[in-house]
Amino acid sequence: MVIESKIAVLVEAYQRLSKANKRFIEQGCSIDAFRNLIEQRELVMEDLPLLSQELVAAMEKSFPDHQFSCNSVAEAVRTISIIAPDLEDCCSQVRIALKQLVDSDLDVEKNIAALKDEIKSEIGRVRQGSRGLKGYRQTASSYGSCFINKVK
């Protein structure tokens, strides 16, 4: 059935996002891994509105006597499970994939918060070091530090 294939494509897109989140966490949450995650998310997120429109169009073809005003994938899946109970398994796969995506997004958010805290502490150490260097001023004496001369 056409609706089943459209739902399967949506499930696959959500699973790709979840896998990208897991890969990000496994790579150690570096800046480069975060850039890759953002790029992957952008690619998939660009396709999601089109995929949901195709699902609604397939619903209208399969059930011409029903009016569909689905504004989101969740509404479309809920409507499908009501008017076509034989597709309940497909609809539950969408729900499971979305739940996994939300859970993995929360894990990514926690890791990013930890990365943010590490960056803040590193910035604090750098600032503390630069304050220490400012304390060494070059005097007119001939035995000053060559390192400090180059920093100035």
C-alpha atoms as a PDB file:
ATOM      1  CA  MET A   1       0.000   0.000   0.000  1.00  0.00           C
ATOM      2  CA  VAL A   2       1.177   3.537  -0.746  1.00  0.00           C
ATOM      3  CA  ILE A   3       0.543   4.831   2.764  1.00  0.00           C
ATOM      4  CA  GLU A   4       2.693   2.074   4.254  1.00  0.00           C
ATOM      5  CA  SER A   5       5.655   3.046   2.088  1.00  0.00           C
ATOM      6  CA  LYS A   6       5.272   6.743   3.010  1.00  0.00           C
ATOM      7  CA  ILE A   7       5.152   5.842   6.694  1.00  0.00           C
ATOM      8  CA  ALA A   8       8.215   3.615   6.289  1.00  0.00           C
ATOM      9  CA  VAL A   9      10.141   6.517   4.748  1.00  0.00           C
ATOM     10  CA  LEU A  10       9.174   8.748   7.692  1.00  0.00           C
ATOM     11  CA  VAL A  11      10.256   6.090  10.178  1.00  0.00           C
ATOM     12  CA  GLU A  12      13.573   5.746   8.364  1.00  0.00           C
ATOM     13  CA  ALA A  13      14.145   9.521   8.507  1.00  0.00           C
ATOM     14  CA  TYR A  14      13.501   9.610  12.261  1.00  0.00           C
ATOM     15  CA  GLN A  15      15.776   6.623  12.773  1.00  0.00           C
ATOM     16  CA  ARG A  16      18.550   8.349  10.807  1.00  0.00           C
ATOM     17  CA  LEU A  17      18.289  11.313  13.161  1.00  0.00           C
ATOM     18  CA  SER A  18      18.466   9.021  16.195  1.00  0.00           C
ATOM     19  CA  LYS A  19      21.501   7.219  14.780  1.00  0.00           C
ATOM     20  CA  ALA A  20      23.224  10.542  14.102  1.00  0.00           C
ATOM     21  CA  ASN A  21      22.611  11.546  17.725  1.00  0.00           C
ATOM     22  CA  LYS A  22      24.066   8.259  18.991  1.00  0.00           C
ATOM     23  CA  ARG A  23      27.090   8.618  16.718  1.00  0.00           C
ATOM     24  CA  PHE A  24      27.664  12.128  18.062  1.00  0.00           C
ATOM     25  CA  ILE A  25      27.651  10.853  21.631  1.00  0.00           C
ATOM     26  CA  GLU A  26      29.932   7.922  20.762  1.00  0.00           C
ATOM     27  CA  GLN A  27      32.457  10.248  19.077  1.00  0.00           C
ATOM     28  CA  GLY A  28      32.971  12.112  22.314  1.00  0.00           C
ATOM     29  CA  CYS A  29      30.921  15.252  21.698  1.00  0.00           C
ATOM     30  CA  SER A  30      33.640  17.255  19.997  1.00  0.00           C
ATOM     31  CA  ILE A  31      33.047  20.431  18.021  1.00  0.00           C
ATOM     32  CA  ASP A  32      33.648  18.630  14.716  1.00  0.00           C
ATOM     33  CA  ALA A  33      31.206  15.885  15.663  1.00  0.00           C
ATOM     34  CA  PHE A  34      28.665  18.571  16.559  1.00  0.00           C
ATOM     35  CA  ARG A  35      29.080  20.214  13.143  1.00  0.00           C
ATOM     36  CA  ASN A  36      28.506  16.856  11.465  1.00  0.00           C
ATOM     37  CA  LEU A  37      25.400  16.299  13.578  1.00  0.00           C
ATOM     38  CA  ILE A  38      23.994  19.695  12.628  1.00  0.00           C
ATOM     39  CA  GLU A  39      24.624  19.059   8.922  1.00  0.00           C
ATOM     40  CA  GLN A  40      22.931  15.654   9.061  1.00  0.00           C
ATOM     41  CA  ARG A  41      19.967  17.085  10.927  1.00  0.00           C
ATOM     42  CA  GLU A  42      19.565  19.884   8.383  1.00  0.00           C
ATOM     43  CA  LEU A  43      19.511  17.415   5.506  1.00  0.00           C
ATOM     44  CA  VAL A  44      16.855  15.234   7.101  1.00  0.00           C
ATOM     45  CA  MET A  45      14.816  18.150   8.439  1.00  0.00           C
ATOM     46  CA  GLU A  46      14.592  19.642   4.947  1.00  0.00           C
ATOM     47  CA  ASP A  47      12.938  16.444   3.743  1.00  0.00           C
ATOM     48  CA  LEU A  48      10.435  16.025   6.583  1.00  0.00           C
ATOM     49  CA  PRO A  49       7.846  18.617   5.434  1.00  0.00           C
ATOM     50  CA  LEU A  50       7.857  17.111   1.955  1.00  0.00           C
ATOM     51  CA  LEU A  51       7.523  13.589   3.351  1.00  0.00           C
ATOM     52  CA  SER A  52       4.580  14.580   5.532  1.00  0.00           C
ATOM     53  CA  GLN A  53       2.876  16.311   2.568  1.00  0.00           C
ATOM     54  CA  GLU A  54       3.343  13.153   0.510  1.00  0.00           C
ATOM     55  CA  LEU A  55       1.787  11.119   3.331  1.00  0.00           C
ATOM     56  CA  VAL A  56      -1.257  13.400   3.457  1.00  0.00           C
ATOM     57  CA  ALA A  57      -1.560  13.235  -0.341  1.00  0.00           C
ATOM     58  CA  ALA A  58      -1.433   9.431  -0.194  1.00  0.00           C
ATOM     59  CA  MET A  59      -4.108   9.504   2.508  1.00  0.00           C
ATOM     60  CA  GLU A  60      -6.344  11.664   0.313  1.00  0.00           C
ATOM     61  CA  LYS A  61      -5.880   9.252  -2.593  1.00  0.00           C
ATOM     62  CA  SER A  62      -6.571   6.167  -0.515  1.00  0.00           C
ATOM     63  CA  PHE A  63      -9.532   7.639   1.374  1.00  0.00           C
ATOM     64  CA  PRO A  64     -11.176  10.218  -0.923  1.00  0.00           C
ATOM     65  CA  ASP A  65     -14.393  10.509   1.155  1.00  0.00           C
ATOM     66  CA  HIS A  66     -12.535  11.791   4.262  1.00  0.00           C
ATOM     67  CA  GLN A  67     -11.404  15.341   4.901  1.00  0.00           C
ATOM     68  CA  PHE A  68      -7.815  15.573   6.093  1.00  0.00           C
ATOM     69  CA  SER A  69      -6.543  18.677   7.817  1.00  0.00           C
ATOM     70  CA  CYS A  70      -3.326  17.209   9.153  1.00  0.00           C
ATOM     71  CA  ASN A  71      -0.875  19.901  10.167  1.00  0.00           C
ATOM     72  CA  SER A  72       1.770  17.543  11.511  1.00  0.00           C
ATOM     73  CA  VAL A  73       3.023  14.006  11.202  1.00  0.00           C
ATOM     74  CA  ALA A  74       1.536  13.147  14.593  1.00  0.00           C
ATOM     75  CA  GLU A  75      -1.945  14.199  13.444  1.00  0.00           C
ATOM     76  CA  ALA A  76      -1.565  12.269  10.198  1.00  0.00           C
ATOM     77  CA  VAL A  77      -0.477   9.117  12.013  1.00  0.00           C
ATOM     78  CA  ARG A  78      -3.319   9.436  14.510  1.00  0.00           C
ATOM     79  CA  THR A  79      -5.809   9.863  11.664  1.00  0.00           C
ATOM     80  CA  ILE A  80      -4.409   6.854   9.795  1.00  0.00           C
ATOM     81  CA  SER A  81      -4.667   4.652  12.865  1.00  0.00           C
ATOM     82  CA  ILE A  82      -8.350   5.627  13.212  1.00  0.00           C
ATOM     83  CA  ILE A  83      -9.498   5.241   9.608  1.00  0.00           C
ATOM     84  CA  ALA A  84      -7.257   2.287   8.730  1.00  0.00           C
ATOM     85  CA  PRO A  85      -6.861   0.035  11.789  1.00  0.00           C
ATOM     86  CA  ASP A  86      -4.874  -2.472   9.697  1.00  0.00           C
ATOM     87  CA  LEU A  87      -2.063   0.112   9.522  1.00  0.00           C
ATOM     88  CA  GLU A  88      -1.791   0.396  13.302  1.00  0.00           C
ATOM     89  CA  ASP A  89       1.557  -1.449  13.280  1.00  0.00           C
ATOM     90  CA  CYS A  90       3.013   1.118  10.874  1.00  0.00           C
ATOM     91  CA  CYS A  91       1.673   3.950  13.005  1.00  0.00           C
ATOM     92  CA  SER A  92       3.174   2.441  16.141  1.00  0.00           C
ATOM     93  CA  GLN A  93       6.555   2.292  14.365  1.00  0.00           C
ATOM     94  CA  VAL A  94       6.342   6.050  13.805  1.00  0.00           C
ATOM     95  CA  ARG A  95       5.529   6.599  17.473  1.00  0.00           C
ATOM     96  CA  ILE A  96       8.434   4.386  18.559  1.00  0.00           C
ATOM     97  CA  ALA A  97      10.856   6.132  16.181  1.00  0.00           C
ATOM     98  CA  LEU A  98       9.730   9.554  17.426  1.00  0.00           C
ATOM     99  CA  LYS A  99      10.129   8.494  21.063  1.00  0.00           C
ATOM    100  CA  GLN A 100      13.636   7.206  20.339  1.00  0.00           C
ATOM    101  CA  LEU A 101      14.460  10.488  18.609  1.00  0.00           C
ATOM    102  CA  VAL A 102      13.220  12.547  21.541  1.00  0.00           C
ATOM    103  CA  ASP A 103      15.211  10.406  23.994  1.00  0.00           C
ATOM    104  CA  SER A 104      18.376  10.665  21.905  1.00  0.00           C
ATOM    105  CA  ASP A 105      17.867  14.436  21.555  1.00  0.00           C
ATOM    106  CA  LEU A 106      17.763  14.681  25.357  1.00  0.00           C
ATOM    107  CA  ASP A 107      21.014  12.706  25.580  1.00  0.00           C
ATOM    108  CA  VAL A 108      22.631  15.035  23.044  1.00  0.00           C
ATOM    109  CA  GLU A 109      21.394  18.043  24.991  1.00  0.00           C
ATOM    110  CA  LYS A 110      22.978  16.700  28.188  1.00  0.00           C
ATOM    111  CA  ASN A 111      26.282  16.074  26.418  1.00  0.00           C
ATOM    112  CA  ILE A 112      26.264  19.523  24.863  1.00  0.00           C
ATOM    113  CA  ALA A 113      25.626  21.047  28.290  1.00  0.00           C
ATOM    114  CA  ALA A 114      28.644  19.153  29.637  1.00  0.00           C
ATOM    115  CA  LEU A 115      30.723  20.337  26.666  1.00  0.00           C
ATOM    116  CA  LYS A 116      29.571  23.893  27.314  1.00  0.00           C
ATOM    117  CA  ASP A 117      30.650  23.633  30.974  1.00  0.00           C
ATOM    118  CA  GLU A 118      34.063  22.308  29.919  1.00  0.00           C
ATOM    119  CA  ILE A 119      34.510  25.200  27.487  1.00  0.00           C
ATOM    120  CA  LYS A 120      33.561  27.722  30.186  1.00  0.00           C
ATOM    121  CA  SER A 121      36.088  26.277  32.619  1.00  0.00           C
ATOM    122  CA  GLU A 122      38.780  26.252  29.935  1.00  0.00           C
ATOM    123  CA  ILE A 123      38.047  29.904  29.125  1.00  0.00           C
ATOM    124  CA  GLY A 124      38.353  30.667  32.840  1.00  0.00           C
ATOM    125  CA  ARG A 125      41.774  29.004  32.967  1.00  0.00           C
ATOM    126  CA  VAL A 126      42.941  30.954  29.928  1.00  0.00           C
ATOM    127  CA  ARG A 127      41.741  34.213  31.433  1.00  0.00           C
ATOM    128  CA  GLN A 128      43.432  33.395  34.721  1.00  0.00           C
ATOM    129  CA  GLY A 129      46.683  32.693  32.868  1.00  0.00           C
ATOM    130  CA  SER A 130      46.472  35.941  30.929  1.00  0.00           C
ATOM    131  CA  ARG A 131      45.944  37.880  34.163  1.00  0.00           C
ATOM    132  CA  GLY A 132      49.113  36.314  35.531  1.00  0.00           C
ATOM    133  CA  LEU A 133      51.074  37.357  32.464  1.00  0.00           C
ATOM    134  CA  LYS A 134      49.871  40.952  32.741  1.00  0.00           C
ATOM    135  CA  GLY A 135      51.468  41.136  36.169  1.00  0.00           C
ATOM    136  CA  TYR A 136      54.942  40.852  34.639  1.00  0.00           C
ATOM    137  CA  ARG A 137      55.702  44.264  33.235  1.00  0.00           C
ATOM    138  CA  GLN A 138      58.932  44.941  31.494  1.00  0.00           C
ATOM    139  CA  THR A 139      61.070  47.354  33.401  1.00  0.00           C
ATOM    140  CA  ALA A 140      64.039  49.344  32.252  1.00  0.00           C
ATOM    141  CA  SER A 141      66.345  46.742  33.736  1.00  0.00           C
ATOM    142  CA  SER A 142      68.305  44.684  31.279  1.00  0.00           C
ATOM    143  CA  TYR A 143      67.469  41.316  32.807  1.00  0.00           C
ATOM    144  CA  GLY A 144      63.753  41.185  31.896  1.00  0.00           C
ATOM    145  CA  SER A 145      62.034  38.168  30.404  1.00  0.00           C
ATOM    146  CA  CYS A 146      62.442  37.582  26.682  1.00  0.00           C
ATOM    147  CA  PHE A 147      59.114  35.733  26.647  1.00  0.00           C
ATOM    148  CA  ILE A 148      57.243  38.704  28.043  1.00  0.00           C
ATOM    149  CA  ASN A 149      58.913  40.986  25.485  1.00  0.00           C
ATOM    150  CA  LYS A 150      57.517  38.838  22.676  1.00  0.00           C
ATOM    151  CA  VAL A 151      54.056  38.757  24.214  1.00  0.00           C
ATOM    152  CA  LYS A 152      53.868  42.540  24.347  1.00  0.00           C
END
